[in-house]
Structures are given as structure tokens and as C-alpha cells.
Amino acid sequence: MNRCLTGAAVLLTLVLCQPRIARAADEVNDKDFLIKSFVTGTKEIKLSELAETHSDNPDVKKFAKEVIDDHKRMNETLAERAKNLKIGVVAGAEKETKDAVNTLSKLKSPDFDREYLKMMIEDHQAALDLHERYSKATAADKDLAQFCKEGAEKIRNHLKMAKDLAAKLK
């Protein structure tokens, strides 16, 4: 009988702790958000700079230019916040970014355009998810929290534009 109570107590503890464990995995703190957002923005800039030179499609080039302009401004803000939080962020040399640049640089339009837009959809969806998770967390840095809300709107707009362009190219 003692074993049953011990087993039940362990099971009850696991069940009661499970939501707390799941929440902890979903939470994003200021530092994590800042770094992940900066790295993602840098990747999108690099891929979009490639799109400006490799794409033959004027709509894709226009989209790429908007992504570059918006994410450069966003990254400037993030860099300032990083300095205030005493965090050093270096981005652009990540394996994932290098691999994506290498993959795209080997393609020609229209294959390039389709793959670029596919990457933009995936990256912007991940960035939007990050912004939404962070906005639900309790941010210590209120300026960063405001940036997050404003950035989410730009990212949502980029995501819609990328999806619309991808559908147009099919």
C-alpha cells in the first residue's frame, strides 16, 4: 500500500508541475528575445539583399527592399537595446544563415524566387511566433516590450506579403 501512495504522489506531482514546466519552455526573457530577434532579422536582411541581385521579378525585388529597410531599422533599435542591457550581439555568421545564403545563391529566377519566398514565410512565421511569445511574457524592459508589439505588426505584414507573392508565383 505504501508503494501505491508513493507512486500516486509522484504521478500527482508530475501532473501538477507539467503546466509550469510547459510554460517555462514557452517563456522568452528580454535577453533571449533580443538576441533571437536580432539574429532572425539579420538573416532576413542577408537573404533579401541576395534577392535584390538574383531575382528577375520586380515584385520580389520590391518585397526584398522593404524587408531590408524594415529589418535594418528594427535591428538598429535592437542594437541600442542590447547596449543598454549590456549584451553583445553578433549575427550573420550562424550556420543556418550561411546555409540559406549558399542554397539561394545557387538558384536562378524563378526557382530562386520560390525558394526565397518559402524561406521568408518560414522565417517571418518563426519571428512572429517569437514576438507573440515574448509579448505574453512579463518584460523587464518596457521599451523592448513596446518594440516587440510594433515589430510584430511589420513582421505580420511581411508574412502576408510573402504568402501573397508565393501564391502569385505558383
Protein backbone atom coordinates (compact mmCIF):
# COMPACT_ATOMS: atom_id res chain seq x y z
CA MET A 1 0.00 0.00 0.00
CA ASN A 2 2.91 2.32 0.71
CA ARG A 3 4.20 1.85 -2.84
CA CYS A 4 0.82 2.83 -4.28
CA LEU A 5 0.77 6.04 -2.27
CA THR A 6 4.35 6.86 -3.29
CA GLY A 7 3.58 6.16 -6.95
CA ALA A 8 0.40 8.22 -6.74
CA ALA A 9 2.26 11.07 -5.08
CA VAL A 10 4.90 11.08 -7.84
CA LEU A 11 2.20 10.98 -10.52
CA LEU A 12 0.27 13.79 -8.84
CA THR A 13 3.46 15.87 -8.58
CA LEU A 14 4.21 15.33 -12.28
CA VAL A 15 0.66 16.26 -13.29
CA LEU A 16 0.65 19.39 -11.12
CA CYS A 17 4.09 20.51 -12.32
CA GLN A 18 3.50 19.82 -16.00
CA PRO A 19 1.79 23.15 -16.85
CA ARG A 20 4.56 25.03 -15.04
CA ILE A 21 7.23 23.13 -16.99
CA ALA A 22 5.41 23.75 -20.28
CA ARG A 23 5.08 27.46 -19.51
CA ALA A 24 8.78 27.74 -18.73
CA ALA A 25 9.65 26.31 -22.15
CA ASP A 26 7.40 28.89 -23.86
CA GLU A 27 8.65 31.90 -21.92
CA VAL A 28 11.15 34.26 -23.50
CA ASN A 29 13.12 36.73 -21.40
CA ASP A 30 14.42 40.12 -22.57
CA LYS A 31 17.91 38.86 -23.42
CA ASP A 32 16.66 35.78 -25.33
CA PHE A 33 14.12 37.82 -27.27
CA LEU A 34 16.65 40.47 -28.17
CA ILE A 35 19.27 38.00 -29.41
CA LYS A 36 16.84 35.77 -31.31
CA SER A 37 15.10 38.73 -32.91
CA PHE A 38 18.40 40.32 -33.96
CA VAL A 39 19.73 37.07 -35.45
CA THR A 40 16.48 36.44 -37.33
CA GLY A 41 16.39 40.00 -38.64
CA THR A 42 19.97 39.76 -39.84
CA LYS A 43 19.23 36.53 -41.69
CA GLU A 44 16.23 38.10 -43.40
CA ILE A 45 18.34 41.10 -44.42
CA LYS A 46 21.08 38.90 -45.91
CA LEU A 47 18.61 36.77 -47.86
CA SER A 48 16.76 39.85 -49.09
CA GLU A 49 19.99 41.51 -50.23
CA LEU A 50 20.61 38.39 -52.26
CA ALA A 51 17.08 38.63 -53.67
CA GLU A 52 17.73 42.18 -54.87
CA THR A 53 20.56 40.92 -57.08
CA HIS A 54 19.37 37.40 -58.01
CA SER A 55 15.68 37.86 -58.69
CA ASP A 56 14.32 38.87 -62.07
CA ASN A 57 10.88 39.56 -60.62
CA PRO A 58 10.20 43.24 -59.82
CA ASP A 59 7.62 42.32 -57.14
CA VAL A 60 10.13 40.07 -55.37
CA LYS A 61 12.76 42.82 -55.55
CA LYS A 62 10.30 45.37 -54.14
CA PHE A 63 9.41 42.99 -51.29
CA ALA A 64 13.11 42.33 -50.60
CA LYS A 65 13.81 46.07 -50.43
CA GLU A 66 11.02 46.58 -47.90
CA VAL A 67 12.29 43.67 -45.77
CA ILE A 68 15.82 45.11 -45.84
CA ASP A 69 14.69 48.61 -44.88
CA ASP A 70 12.34 47.49 -42.09
CA HIS A 71 14.69 44.92 -40.57
CA LYS A 72 17.68 47.26 -40.66
CA ARG A 73 15.65 49.81 -38.69
CA MET A 74 14.46 47.09 -36.31
CA ASN A 75 18.00 45.79 -35.82
CA GLU A 76 19.28 49.31 -35.11
CA THR A 77 16.71 49.56 -32.31
CA LEU A 78 17.65 46.10 -31.04
CA ALA A 79 21.34 47.02 -31.09
CA GLU A 80 20.60 50.09 -28.96
CA ARG A 81 18.55 48.00 -26.51
CA ALA A 82 21.37 45.43 -26.38
CA LYS A 83 23.84 48.15 -25.48
CA ASN A 84 21.54 49.37 -22.70
CA LEU A 85 21.19 45.80 -21.39
CA LYS A 86 24.96 45.28 -21.73
CA ILE A 87 24.52 42.41 -24.19
CA GLY A 88 26.82 41.83 -27.14
CA VAL A 89 25.11 40.50 -30.26
CA VAL A 90 26.94 39.34 -33.37
CA ALA A 91 24.77 37.93 -36.13
CA GLY A 92 25.07 36.74 -39.69
CA ALA A 93 27.67 34.01 -39.30
CA GLU A 94 25.28 31.35 -37.97
CA LYS A 95 25.35 28.04 -39.83
CA GLU A 96 21.64 28.33 -40.64
CA THR A 97 22.14 31.76 -42.22
CA LYS A 98 25.21 30.65 -44.21
CA ASP A 99 23.42 27.53 -45.43
CA ALA A 100 20.39 29.54 -46.55
CA VAL A 101 22.58 32.06 -48.41
CA ASN A 102 24.51 29.21 -50.08
CA THR A 103 21.30 27.46 -51.12
CA LEU A 104 19.76 30.59 -52.60
CA SER A 105 22.91 31.82 -54.33
CA LYS A 106 22.97 28.67 -56.49
CA LEU A 107 19.45 29.24 -57.84
CA LYS A 108 18.18 31.37 -60.71
CA SER A 109 14.78 33.01 -61.11
CA PRO A 110 12.03 31.73 -60.95
CA ASP A 111 13.35 28.87 -58.73
CA PHE A 112 15.24 31.44 -56.69
CA ASP A 113 12.07 33.48 -56.13
CA ARG A 114 10.05 30.48 -54.94
CA GLU A 115 12.77 29.31 -52.54
CA TYR A 116 13.42 32.83 -51.24
CA LEU A 117 9.72 33.37 -50.54
CA LYS A 118 9.46 29.96 -48.89
CA MET A 119 12.33 30.94 -46.57
CA MET A 120 10.78 34.34 -45.90
CA ILE A 121 7.46 32.73 -44.96
CA GLU A 122 9.16 30.27 -42.60
CA ASP A 123 11.43 32.91 -41.02
CA HIS A 124 8.70 35.51 -40.63
CA GLN A 125 6.34 32.95 -39.11
CA ALA A 126 9.05 31.98 -36.59
CA ALA A 127 9.77 35.67 -35.86
CA LEU A 128 6.06 36.38 -35.37
CA ASP A 129 5.77 33.40 -33.01
CA LEU A 130 8.76 34.73 -31.04
CA HIS A 131 7.23 38.21 -30.80
CA GLU A 132 3.89 36.77 -29.69
CA ARG A 133 5.51 34.56 -27.02
CA TYR A 134 7.57 37.48 -25.74
CA SER A 135 4.60 39.85 -25.67
CA LYS A 136 2.79 37.36 -23.39
CA ALA A 137 5.80 37.21 -21.04
CA THR A 138 6.47 39.79 -18.38
CA ALA A 139 9.10 42.02 -19.95
CA ALA A 140 11.58 43.69 -17.64
CA ASP A 141 12.47 46.20 -20.37
CA LYS A 142 9.30 48.16 -21.22
CA ASP A 143 10.90 49.80 -24.28
CA LEU A 144 11.74 46.36 -25.63
CA ALA A 145 8.17 45.24 -24.96
CA GLN A 146 6.86 48.22 -26.98
CA PHE A 147 9.34 47.45 -29.77
CA CYS A 148 8.04 43.87 -29.76
CA LYS A 149 4.45 44.99 -30.33
CA GLU A 150 5.40 47.38 -33.13
CA GLY A 151 7.75 44.84 -34.71
CA ALA A 152 5.08 42.16 -34.70
CA GLU A 153 2.93 44.32 -36.98
CA LYS A 154 5.76 44.77 -39.50
CA ILE A 155 6.55 41.07 -39.40
CA ARG A 156 2.87 40.16 -39.84
CA ASN A 157 2.76 42.48 -42.87
CA HIS A 158 5.92 40.91 -44.36
CA LEU A 159 4.48 37.44 -43.79
CA LYS A 160 1.27 38.35 -45.62
CA MET A 161 3.21 39.92 -48.49
CA ALA A 162 5.46 36.85 -48.82
CA LYS A 163 2.47 34.49 -48.82
CA ASP A 164 0.65 36.60 -51.42
CA LEU A 165 3.73 36.73 -53.66
CA ALA A 166 4.34 32.99 -53.29
CA ALA A 167 0.75 32.25 -54.29
CA LYS A 168 1.11 34.57 -57.29
CA LEU A 169 4.26 32.74 -58.46
CA LYS A 170 2.77 29.23 -58.33
